[in-house]
Amino acid sequence: MTAEYAHPLETIIFGQGTIGGPILYCQFVGSVHAVTMFAWIWLRLFQAIDAHSGYDFPWSLHNFLPFWAGADHHDYHHAAFVNNFASSFRWWDSIFGTDAKYHAHKARLAAKKVQ
């Protein structure tokens, strides 16, 4: 799966979102149950696979959370890799202006669809 195909350094840096949550939880609470850790990692893998699948499933998170990136948003990042850097939250691309070309692309597609 392309969601897990990355350079080891990239995996270490961006893996902090997956492993960092439970580590911080342990720092403040004291421990985390193994089942909780497995559930957390499963959810993070589900999110990564969903974003890289290229499909808009009915159960995809962006259908429930309008600020969530989703496969369509992330696919544009792979097509034009200097855009849409947010892997989860779209607002980061809005704040930093890295989604302008994505919105222009979506507008062009919508115009073609109308014709």
C-alpha atoms as a PDB file:
ATOM      1  CA  MET A   1       0.000   0.000   0.000  1.00  0.00           C
ATOM      2  CA  THR A   2       1.361   3.426  -0.837  1.00  0.00           C
ATOM      3  CA  ALA A   3       0.265   4.755   2.545  1.00  0.00           C
ATOM      4  CA  GLU A   4       3.197   2.945   4.124  1.00  0.00           C
ATOM      5  CA  TYR A   5       5.747   3.442   1.319  1.00  0.00           C
ATOM      6  CA  ALA A   6       8.077   6.163   2.551  1.00  0.00           C
ATOM      7  CA  HIS A   7      11.703   6.892   3.379  1.00  0.00           C
ATOM      8  CA  PRO A   8      12.627   5.704   6.910  1.00  0.00           C
ATOM      9  CA  LEU A   9      13.302   9.284   8.051  1.00  0.00           C
ATOM     10  CA  GLU A  10       9.897  10.381   6.755  1.00  0.00           C
ATOM     11  CA  THR A  11       8.309   7.470   8.599  1.00  0.00           C
ATOM     12  CA  ILE A  12      10.057   8.460  11.845  1.00  0.00           C
ATOM     13  CA  ILE A  13       9.137  12.148  11.578  1.00  0.00           C
ATOM     14  CA  PHE A  14       5.544  11.751  10.401  1.00  0.00           C
ATOM     15  CA  GLY A  15       5.021   8.650  12.537  1.00  0.00           C
ATOM     16  CA  GLN A  16       5.104  10.913  15.575  1.00  0.00           C
ATOM     17  CA  GLY A  17       1.410  11.597  14.984  1.00  0.00           C
ATOM     18  CA  THR A  18       0.683   7.899  15.390  1.00  0.00           C
ATOM     19  CA  ILE A  19       3.046   7.074  18.229  1.00  0.00           C
ATOM     20  CA  GLY A  20       3.241  10.519  19.855  1.00  0.00           C
ATOM     21  CA  GLY A  21      -0.383  10.473  21.051  1.00  0.00           C
ATOM     22  CA  PRO A  22      -0.033   7.320  23.159  1.00  0.00           C
ATOM     23  CA  ILE A  23       3.385   8.419  24.442  1.00  0.00           C
ATOM     24  CA  LEU A  24       1.977  11.763  25.627  1.00  0.00           C
ATOM     25  CA  TYR A  25      -1.014   9.960  27.114  1.00  0.00           C
ATOM     26  CA  CYS A  26       1.353   7.713  29.091  1.00  0.00           C
ATOM     27  CA  GLN A  27       3.306  10.738  30.320  1.00  0.00           C
ATOM     28  CA  PHE A  28       0.186  12.310  31.823  1.00  0.00           C
ATOM     29  CA  VAL A  29      -1.869   9.254  32.843  1.00  0.00           C
ATOM     30  CA  GLY A  30       0.831   6.711  33.564  1.00  0.00           C
ATOM     31  CA  SER A  31       0.026   3.835  31.224  1.00  0.00           C
ATOM     32  CA  VAL A  32      -1.977   2.795  28.207  1.00  0.00           C
ATOM     33  CA  HIS A  33      -3.645  -0.566  27.707  1.00  0.00           C
ATOM     34  CA  ALA A  34      -2.319  -2.656  24.800  1.00  0.00           C
ATOM     35  CA  VAL A  35      -5.793  -2.870  23.233  1.00  0.00           C
ATOM     36  CA  THR A  36      -6.063   0.927  23.330  1.00  0.00           C
ATOM     37  CA  MET A  37      -2.674   1.207  21.620  1.00  0.00           C
ATOM     38  CA  PHE A  38      -3.677  -1.296  18.926  1.00  0.00           C
ATOM     39  CA  ALA A  39      -6.985   0.542  18.371  1.00  0.00           C
ATOM     40  CA  TRP A  40      -5.162   3.883  18.050  1.00  0.00           C
ATOM     41  CA  ILE A  41      -2.654   2.492  15.535  1.00  0.00           C
ATOM     42  CA  TRP A  42      -5.462   0.757  13.608  1.00  0.00           C
ATOM     43  CA  LEU A  43      -7.371   4.050  13.347  1.00  0.00           C
ATOM     44  CA  ARG A  44      -4.249   5.907  12.165  1.00  0.00           C
ATOM     45  CA  LEU A  45      -3.533   3.217   9.560  1.00  0.00           C
ATOM     46  CA  PHE A  46      -7.177   3.342   8.449  1.00  0.00           C
ATOM     47  CA  GLN A  47      -6.843   7.099   7.979  1.00  0.00           C
ATOM     48  CA  ALA A  48      -3.605   6.727   5.981  1.00  0.00           C
ATOM     49  CA  ILE A  49      -5.017   3.979   3.768  1.00  0.00           C
ATOM     50  CA  ASP A  50      -8.258   5.926   3.248  1.00  0.00           C
ATOM     51  CA  ALA A  51      -6.320   9.051   2.213  1.00  0.00           C
ATOM     52  CA  HIS A  52      -4.146   7.078  -0.225  1.00  0.00           C
ATOM     53  CA  SER A  53      -6.838   4.782  -1.621  1.00  0.00           C
ATOM     54  CA  GLY A  54      -7.996   7.166  -4.327  1.00  0.00           C
ATOM     55  CA  TYR A  55     -11.609   6.281  -3.538  1.00  0.00           C
ATOM     56  CA  ASP A  56     -14.381   8.284  -1.913  1.00  0.00           C
ATOM     57  CA  PHE A  57     -15.947   5.655   0.331  1.00  0.00           C
ATOM     58  CA  PRO A  58     -19.253   6.427   2.114  1.00  0.00           C
ATOM     59  CA  TRP A  59     -17.466   5.795   5.429  1.00  0.00           C
ATOM     60  CA  SER A  60     -14.520   8.096   4.639  1.00  0.00           C
ATOM     61  CA  LEU A  61     -13.942  10.627   7.391  1.00  0.00           C
ATOM     62  CA  HIS A  62     -14.279  13.659   5.122  1.00  0.00           C
ATOM     63  CA  ASN A  63     -17.942  12.718   4.577  1.00  0.00           C
ATOM     64  CA  PHE A  64     -18.514  13.269   8.307  1.00  0.00           C
ATOM     65  CA  LEU A  65     -15.934  15.967   9.062  1.00  0.00           C
ATOM     66  CA  PRO A  66     -15.956  18.770   6.453  1.00  0.00           C
ATOM     67  CA  PHE A  67     -12.460  19.943   7.458  1.00  0.00           C
ATOM     68  CA  TRP A  68     -10.932  16.457   6.933  1.00  0.00           C
ATOM     69  CA  ALA A  69      -8.716  16.068   3.867  1.00  0.00           C
ATOM     70  CA  GLY A  70      -9.732  12.724   2.340  1.00  0.00           C
ATOM     71  CA  ALA A  71      -8.546  10.889  -0.763  1.00  0.00           C
ATOM     72  CA  ASP A  72      -9.530  13.522  -3.334  1.00  0.00           C
ATOM     73  CA  HIS A  73      -7.622  16.238  -1.486  1.00  0.00           C
ATOM     74  CA  HIS A  74      -4.592  14.023  -0.963  1.00  0.00           C
ATOM     75  CA  ASP A  75      -4.622  12.677  -4.544  1.00  0.00           C
ATOM     76  CA  TYR A  76      -4.125  16.229  -5.798  1.00  0.00           C
ATOM     77  CA  HIS A  77      -1.049  16.462  -3.549  1.00  0.00           C
ATOM     78  CA  HIS A  78       0.436  13.469  -5.366  1.00  0.00           C
ATOM     79  CA  ALA A  79      -0.493  14.912  -8.775  1.00  0.00           C
ATOM     80  CA  ALA A  80       0.889  18.389  -8.030  1.00  0.00           C
ATOM     81  CA  PHE A  81       3.170  17.774  -5.082  1.00  0.00           C
ATOM     82  CA  VAL A  82       3.698  21.425  -4.100  1.00  0.00           C
ATOM     83  CA  ASN A  83       0.048  21.669  -3.031  1.00  0.00           C
ATOM     84  CA  ASN A  84      -2.275  20.178  -0.429  1.00  0.00           C
ATOM     85  CA  PHE A  85       0.286  19.211   2.190  1.00  0.00           C
ATOM     86  CA  ALA A  86      -2.297  18.562   4.918  1.00  0.00           C
ATOM     87  CA  SER A  87      -2.736  14.848   5.421  1.00  0.00           C
ATOM     88  CA  SER A  88      -5.615  15.263   7.848  1.00  0.00           C
ATOM     89  CA  PHE A  89      -6.842  18.801   8.439  1.00  0.00           C
ATOM     90  CA  ARG A  90      -7.616  20.967   5.391  1.00  0.00           C
ATOM     91  CA  TRP A  91      -7.458  24.205   7.356  1.00  0.00           C
ATOM     92  CA  TRP A  92      -3.643  24.090   7.299  1.00  0.00           C
ATOM     93  CA  ASP A  93      -3.659  24.316   3.513  1.00  0.00           C
ATOM     94  CA  SER A  94      -6.159  27.183   3.720  1.00  0.00           C
ATOM     95  CA  ILE A  95      -4.060  29.035   6.296  1.00  0.00           C
ATOM     96  CA  PHE A  96      -0.812  28.671   4.334  1.00  0.00           C
ATOM     97  CA  GLY A  97      -2.395  29.093   0.890  1.00  0.00           C
ATOM     98  CA  THR A  98      -1.220  25.730  -0.418  1.00  0.00           C
ATOM     99  CA  ASP A  99      -4.674  24.767  -1.681  1.00  0.00           C
ATOM    100  CA  ALA A 100      -5.329  27.572  -4.203  1.00  0.00           C
ATOM    101  CA  LYS A 101      -4.368  25.442  -7.222  1.00  0.00           C
ATOM    102  CA  TYR A 102      -6.505  22.590  -5.884  1.00  0.00           C
ATOM    103  CA  HIS A 103      -9.566  24.845  -5.697  1.00  0.00           C
ATOM    104  CA  ALA A 104      -8.861  26.181  -9.211  1.00  0.00           C
ATOM    105  CA  HIS A 105      -8.562  22.587 -10.446  1.00  0.00           C
ATOM    106  CA  LYS A 106     -11.880  21.640  -8.811  1.00  0.00           C
ATOM    107  CA  ALA A 107     -13.542  24.714 -10.383  1.00  0.00           C
ATOM    108  CA  ARG A 108     -12.249  23.717 -13.846  1.00  0.00           C
ATOM    109  CA  LEU A 109     -13.587  20.178 -13.369  1.00  0.00           C
ATOM    110  CA  ALA A 110     -16.966  21.526 -12.261  1.00  0.00           C
ATOM    111  CA  ALA A 111     -17.100  23.839 -15.313  1.00  0.00           C
ATOM    112  CA  LYS A 112     -16.336  20.912 -17.639  1.00  0.00           C
ATOM    113  CA  LYS A 113     -19.025  18.838 -15.962  1.00  0.00           C
ATOM    114  CA  VAL A 114     -21.637  21.562 -16.582  1.00  0.00           C
ATOM    115  CA  GLN A 115     -20.799  21.732 -20.298  1.00  0.00           C
END
